Protein backbone atom coordinates (compact mmCIF):
# COMPACT_ATOMS: atom_id res chain seq x y z
CA GLY A 1 14.82 4.30 -12.99
CA ILE A 2 13.20 2.94 -9.50
CA TYR A 3 11.21 5.11 -7.32
CA TRP A 4 11.35 3.00 -4.27
CA GLN A 5 8.83 3.40 -1.01
CA THR A 6 8.77 1.17 1.76
CA ARG A 7 6.38 -1.23 0.50
CA ARG A 8 6.35 -0.41 -2.81
CA ALA A 9 8.38 0.92 -5.91
CA THR A 10 7.71 2.05 -9.57
CA VAL A 11 10.21 1.09 -12.07
CA VAL A 12 10.50 3.06 -15.68
CA CYS A 13 12.79 1.88 -18.40
CA LEU A 14 13.79 4.46 -20.82
CA ALA A 15 15.89 4.53 -24.32
CA PRO A 16 17.96 5.42 -25.89
CA PRO A 17 20.24 7.37 -23.77
CA GLY A 18 20.27 11.13 -24.69
CA ARG A 19 17.76 14.19 -25.05
CA ASP A 20 14.67 12.65 -26.78
CA ARG A 21 14.48 9.49 -24.49
CA ARG A 22 11.50 6.95 -24.99
CA VAL A 23 9.77 5.12 -22.36
CA LEU A 24 9.92 1.51 -23.09
CA ASP A 25 8.07 0.15 -20.01
CA CYS A 26 7.01 0.77 -17.01
CA PHE A 27 5.34 -0.93 -13.82
CA SER A 28 5.07 -0.96 -10.30
CA VAL A 29 5.45 -3.94 -7.56
CA SER A 30 4.77 -3.88 -4.10
CA VAL A 31 5.30 -5.79 -1.22
CA GLU A 32 2.20 -5.09 1.56
CA ASP A 33 1.63 -8.65 2.51
CA GLN A 34 5.39 -8.97 3.49
CA ALA A 35 6.68 -8.75 7.01
CA ASP A 36 10.16 -9.22 7.07
CA ASN A 37 12.76 -8.41 4.74
CA GLN A 38 10.70 -6.07 2.72
CA ALA A 39 13.38 -4.59 0.80
CA GLN A 40 15.08 -7.81 -0.47
CA ALA A 41 11.51 -8.72 -1.51
CA LEU A 42 11.31 -5.32 -3.40
CA ALA A 43 14.09 -5.99 -5.39
CA ASP A 44 13.59 -9.66 -6.19
CA ARG A 45 9.88 -8.75 -7.63
CA ILE A 46 11.47 -5.62 -9.38
CA VAL A 47 13.92 -8.23 -11.48
CA GLU A 48 10.82 -11.13 -11.82
CA ALA A 49 8.79 -8.13 -13.41
CA CYS A 50 12.07 -7.04 -15.64
CA ARG A 51 12.35 -10.71 -16.55
CA GLN A 52 8.70 -11.46 -17.40
CA ARG A 53 8.21 -7.98 -19.48
CA LYS A 54 12.02 -9.15 -21.12
CA LEU A 55 13.66 -5.81 -20.03
CA LYS A 56 17.08 -5.33 -20.20
CA PHE A 57 18.97 -2.19 -19.22
CA SER A 58 22.93 -0.89 -19.05
CA ALA A 59 22.30 1.75 -16.05
CA ALA A 60 19.88 2.02 -13.05
CA ALA A 61 19.40 5.12 -10.99
CA VAL A 62 17.02 5.32 -7.60
CA ALA A 63 14.58 8.23 -6.38
CA LEU A 64 13.94 7.42 -2.89
CA ASP A 65 10.51 8.61 -1.55
CA CYS A 66 10.08 11.39 0.55
CA ALA A 67 9.27 9.74 3.67
CA GLY A 68 12.43 7.95 3.82
CA PHE A 69 14.74 11.03 4.38
CA MET A 70 14.88 14.48 6.16
CA GLN A 71 15.40 17.96 4.56
CA HIS A 72 17.61 20.68 6.80
CA THR A 73 18.84 23.76 6.27
CA VAL A 74 22.65 24.35 6.73
CA HIS A 75 24.83 27.02 6.70
CA SER A 76 28.66 26.13 5.49
CA GLU A 77 31.55 28.63 6.00
CA PHE A 78 33.08 27.34 3.14
CA SER A 79 31.94 27.87 -0.76
CA ASP A 80 33.85 25.66 -2.47
CA PRO A 81 31.81 22.51 -3.07
CA LYS A 82 34.80 20.13 -2.09
CA ARG A 83 35.55 21.97 1.12
CA ILE A 84 31.76 21.85 1.80
CA ALA A 85 31.57 18.24 1.23
CA ALA A 86 34.33 17.70 3.60
CA THR A 87 32.62 19.44 6.41
CA ILE A 88 29.16 19.18 5.92
CA ARG A 89 28.69 16.19 8.20
CA PHE A 90 30.27 18.34 11.10
CA ASP A 91 28.03 21.11 9.88
CA THR A 92 25.08 19.21 9.93
CA GLU A 93 25.47 17.37 13.14
CA GLU A 94 26.35 20.95 14.98
CA THR A 95 22.85 22.24 13.61
CA LEU A 96 20.57 19.31 14.41
CA ALA A 97 22.20 19.32 17.67
CA THR A 98 22.46 15.17 17.51
CA ASP A 99 24.61 12.27 16.62
CA ILE A 100 24.47 11.70 12.51
CA SER A 101 26.91 8.75 12.63
CA GLU A 102 24.34 6.43 11.53
CA MET A 103 22.53 8.91 8.93
CA ALA A 104 23.51 9.26 5.27
CA VAL A 105 24.27 12.83 4.54
CA ALA A 106 24.02 14.42 0.68
CA PHE A 107 23.96 18.31 0.01
CA ARG A 108 23.28 20.66 -2.50
CA VAL A 109 24.09 24.49 -2.59
CA THR A 110 21.48 27.16 -2.77
CA ALA A 111 23.13 30.00 -2.40
CA SER A 112 26.62 31.25 -1.66
CA GLY A 113 28.93 34.68 -1.01
CA PRO A 114 32.01 35.88 0.97
CA ASP A 115 30.10 34.21 4.07
CA GLY A 116 30.28 31.01 3.01
CA ALA A 117 27.30 29.01 1.51
CA ASN A 118 23.79 27.75 2.45
CA THR A 119 22.40 24.10 1.93
CA ASP A 120 20.14 21.87 1.57
CA VAL A 121 20.72 18.94 3.41
CA PHE A 122 19.11 15.72 3.05
CA THR A 123 19.71 13.17 5.60
CA ALA A 124 18.53 9.39 5.69
CA GLN A 125 18.95 6.25 7.68
CA ARG A 126 22.23 4.65 6.89
CA ALA A 127 20.34 0.99 7.21
CA LEU A 128 17.71 1.75 5.29
CA LEU A 129 19.84 2.97 2.16
CA SER A 130 22.30 -0.26 2.83
CA ASP A 131 19.58 -2.71 2.88
CA LEU A 132 18.24 -1.03 -0.62
CA ILE A 133 21.56 -1.13 -2.23
CA LEU A 134 22.32 -4.28 -1.18
CA SER A 135 19.00 -5.86 -1.96
CA LEU A 136 19.37 -4.66 -5.51
CA GLN A 137 23.10 -5.50 -5.72
CA SER A 138 21.65 -9.00 -5.03
CA ASN A 139 19.97 -9.04 -8.10
CA GLY A 140 22.69 -7.39 -10.25
CA ILE A 141 20.97 -4.05 -10.17
CA ASP A 142 23.69 -1.95 -9.32
CA PRO A 143 22.18 1.77 -8.95
CA MET A 144 24.63 4.46 -10.14
CA ALA A 145 22.60 6.97 -7.71
CA VAL A 146 20.34 7.28 -5.15
CA ASP A 147 18.62 10.90 -4.89
CA PRO A 148 15.69 12.26 -3.16
CA ASP A 149 12.50 11.97 -5.15
CA VAL A 150 12.33 15.94 -4.54
CA CYS A 151 15.78 16.30 -6.42
CA CYS A 152 14.79 14.43 -9.59
CA LEU A 153 11.34 15.89 -9.80
CA ALA A 154 13.13 19.46 -9.53
CA ARG A 155 15.28 18.07 -12.60
CA TYR A 156 12.44 16.90 -14.53
CA LEU A 157 10.75 20.28 -14.35
CA VAL A 158 13.44 22.33 -15.07
CA THR A 159 14.33 20.60 -18.21
CA TYR A 160 10.49 20.13 -19.58
CA ASP A 161 8.72 22.73 -17.97
CA ARG A 162 7.51 25.33 -21.20
CA THR A 163 6.11 28.14 -18.60
CA PRO A 164 7.22 31.55 -19.89
CA ARG A 165 9.46 33.33 -17.19
CA THR A 166 9.44 37.40 -16.86
CA PRO A 167 12.69 38.11 -15.57
CA PRO A 168 13.06 38.57 -12.54
CA GLN A 169 10.52 36.50 -11.06
CA SER A 170 10.22 32.95 -10.15
CA THR A 171 7.52 30.08 -10.95
CA LEU A 172 6.30 27.79 -7.90
CA HIS A 173 5.64 24.17 -9.06
CA ALA A 174 3.42 22.22 -6.95
CA VAL A 175 2.76 18.21 -7.79
CA LEU A 176 0.55 16.61 -5.42
CA SER A 177 0.05 12.93 -5.42
CA ASP A 178 -2.46 10.83 -3.41
CA SER A 179 -0.15 11.01 -0.22
CA ARG A 180 3.03 13.64 -1.27
CA GLY A 181 3.36 17.07 -1.70
CA TYR A 182 6.45 18.58 -3.61
CA LEU A 183 7.22 22.08 -3.63
CA VAL A 184 9.87 23.08 -6.60
CA VAL A 185 10.71 27.07 -7.07
CA VAL A 186 12.12 27.52 -10.51
CA ARG A 187 14.16 30.74 -11.35
CA ASP A 188 13.75 32.86 -14.86
CA THR A 189 17.54 31.37 -14.75
CA GLY A 190 15.99 27.80 -15.34
CA ASP A 191 17.21 26.48 -12.12
CA ALA A 192 15.74 25.18 -9.18
CA SER A 193 16.21 27.72 -5.75
CA ILE A 194 13.67 26.03 -3.43
CA LEU A 195 12.88 22.29 -2.99
CA ARG A 196 10.17 21.16 -0.39
CA THR A 197 8.40 17.93 0.46
CA PHE A 198 5.39 17.37 2.59
CA LEU A 199 3.14 14.29 3.49
CA ILE A 200 -0.81 14.30 2.43
CA GLY A 201 -2.98 12.82 5.38
CA SER A 202 -6.28 11.35 3.54
CA GLY A 203 -8.70 13.49 5.12
CA GLN A 204 -6.85 16.59 4.57
CA GLU A 205 -8.24 19.98 2.84
CA ARG A 206 -6.01 19.43 -0.12
CA THR A 207 -6.59 23.33 -1.08
CA GLY A 208 -6.24 24.68 2.36
CA LEU A 209 -3.00 22.58 2.80
CA LEU A 210 -1.51 23.62 -0.19
CA ALA A 211 -2.37 27.67 0.38
CA ARG A 212 -0.39 27.47 3.70
CA GLU A 213 2.60 25.11 2.22
CA ALA A 214 2.67 27.60 -0.74
CA LEU A 215 3.22 30.62 1.45
CA VAL A 216 5.75 29.55 3.29
CA THR A 217 7.83 28.32 0.19
CA THR A 218 7.20 31.61 -1.41
CA ALA A 219 8.54 33.60 1.69
CA LEU A 220 11.85 31.60 1.14
CA ALA A 221 12.25 33.21 -2.79
CA GLU A 222 14.86 35.57 -3.20
CA PRO A 223 13.43 39.09 -2.89
CA GLY A 224 14.87 40.31 -6.11
CA ARG A 225 13.24 36.85 -7.68
CA PRO A 226 9.55 36.97 -6.27
CA VAL A 227 7.20 34.21 -6.82
CA ARG A 228 4.40 35.46 -9.05
CA GLN A 229 2.64 32.02 -9.88
CA VAL A 230 2.10 28.83 -8.98
CA ASN A 231 1.70 25.96 -11.71
CA VAL A 232 -0.45 23.17 -9.89
CA PHE A 233 -0.97 19.25 -10.89
CA ASP A 234 -2.83 17.24 -8.16
CA GLU A 235 -3.28 13.48 -8.98
CA ALA A 236 -6.57 13.55 -6.99
CA GLY A 237 -8.07 16.29 -8.47
CA GLY A 238 -9.05 18.07 -4.87
CA VAL A 239 -7.05 21.87 -5.55
CA GLU A 240 -9.56 24.49 -6.68
CA ALA A 241 -7.35 26.96 -8.51
CA GLY A 242 -9.50 29.88 -7.56
CA ALA A 243 -9.60 29.49 -3.93
CA LEU A 244 -5.86 28.66 -3.86
CA GLY A 245 -5.32 31.95 -5.88
CA ALA A 246 -7.13 33.62 -3.39
CA ARG A 247 -5.61 32.41 -0.57
CA THR A 248 -2.24 32.94 -2.01
CA GLY A 249 -2.27 35.97 -4.09
CA LEU A 250 -0.88 33.84 -6.81
CA LYS A 251 -1.78 33.44 -10.44
CA VAL A 252 -2.68 29.99 -10.56
CA GLY A 253 -1.65 27.67 -13.75
CA LEU A 254 -1.82 23.78 -14.49
CA CYS A 255 1.23 21.80 -14.28
CA ASP A 256 1.11 19.50 -17.82
CA LEU A 257 3.50 16.93 -16.66
């Protein structure tokens, strides 16, 4: 698995495939010193690091950093996934009122009914993805998927979270790195209903920022499954649980990744 940023990548090698996966190794490489051909240089360093560690793998997948894509809410008049896939580019272009011919588009259905479906649409510059994929392929790595990082994180949380859920309620997971924030609402049915990402400035007050973003996110939850709890993981340790609970009115717990 490769978490791909513009100038940095984190690689995790897992074995064996299946439920009880084991981390064989993980490492990061960067090209902060590289002015041109950053994608190619990043892929070269990934392969060189794998060679030095004698890591071999049978498949690869990429999680694209949230700074590399945009997320939009788009309505489709269809509810069948195949028909949505066939028309989502047109719907996205109409919703955004802009030409998306140079954009790559992916989507997930968040709700469907007689009037069609609501979708989360993720767009990224086609050139960015082309450089990423071609650079990896030139080094013998052919990724089977390139997903938005928030989708990958949501799958992880849904699979491994052990927070007791009391129906009909939802839980908000807030995961903050040094410069990225991820909000994932998990229903009591065990699926992720809302995904949001945001960037964190170095000087921002993290508790206040998270409180504001959490309130926006909980307002989007289904009325029949309101969010009652927020589980927080803050890599920088800057979020104050008591203050967050007071500002949001939510029960605050820890998200143990």
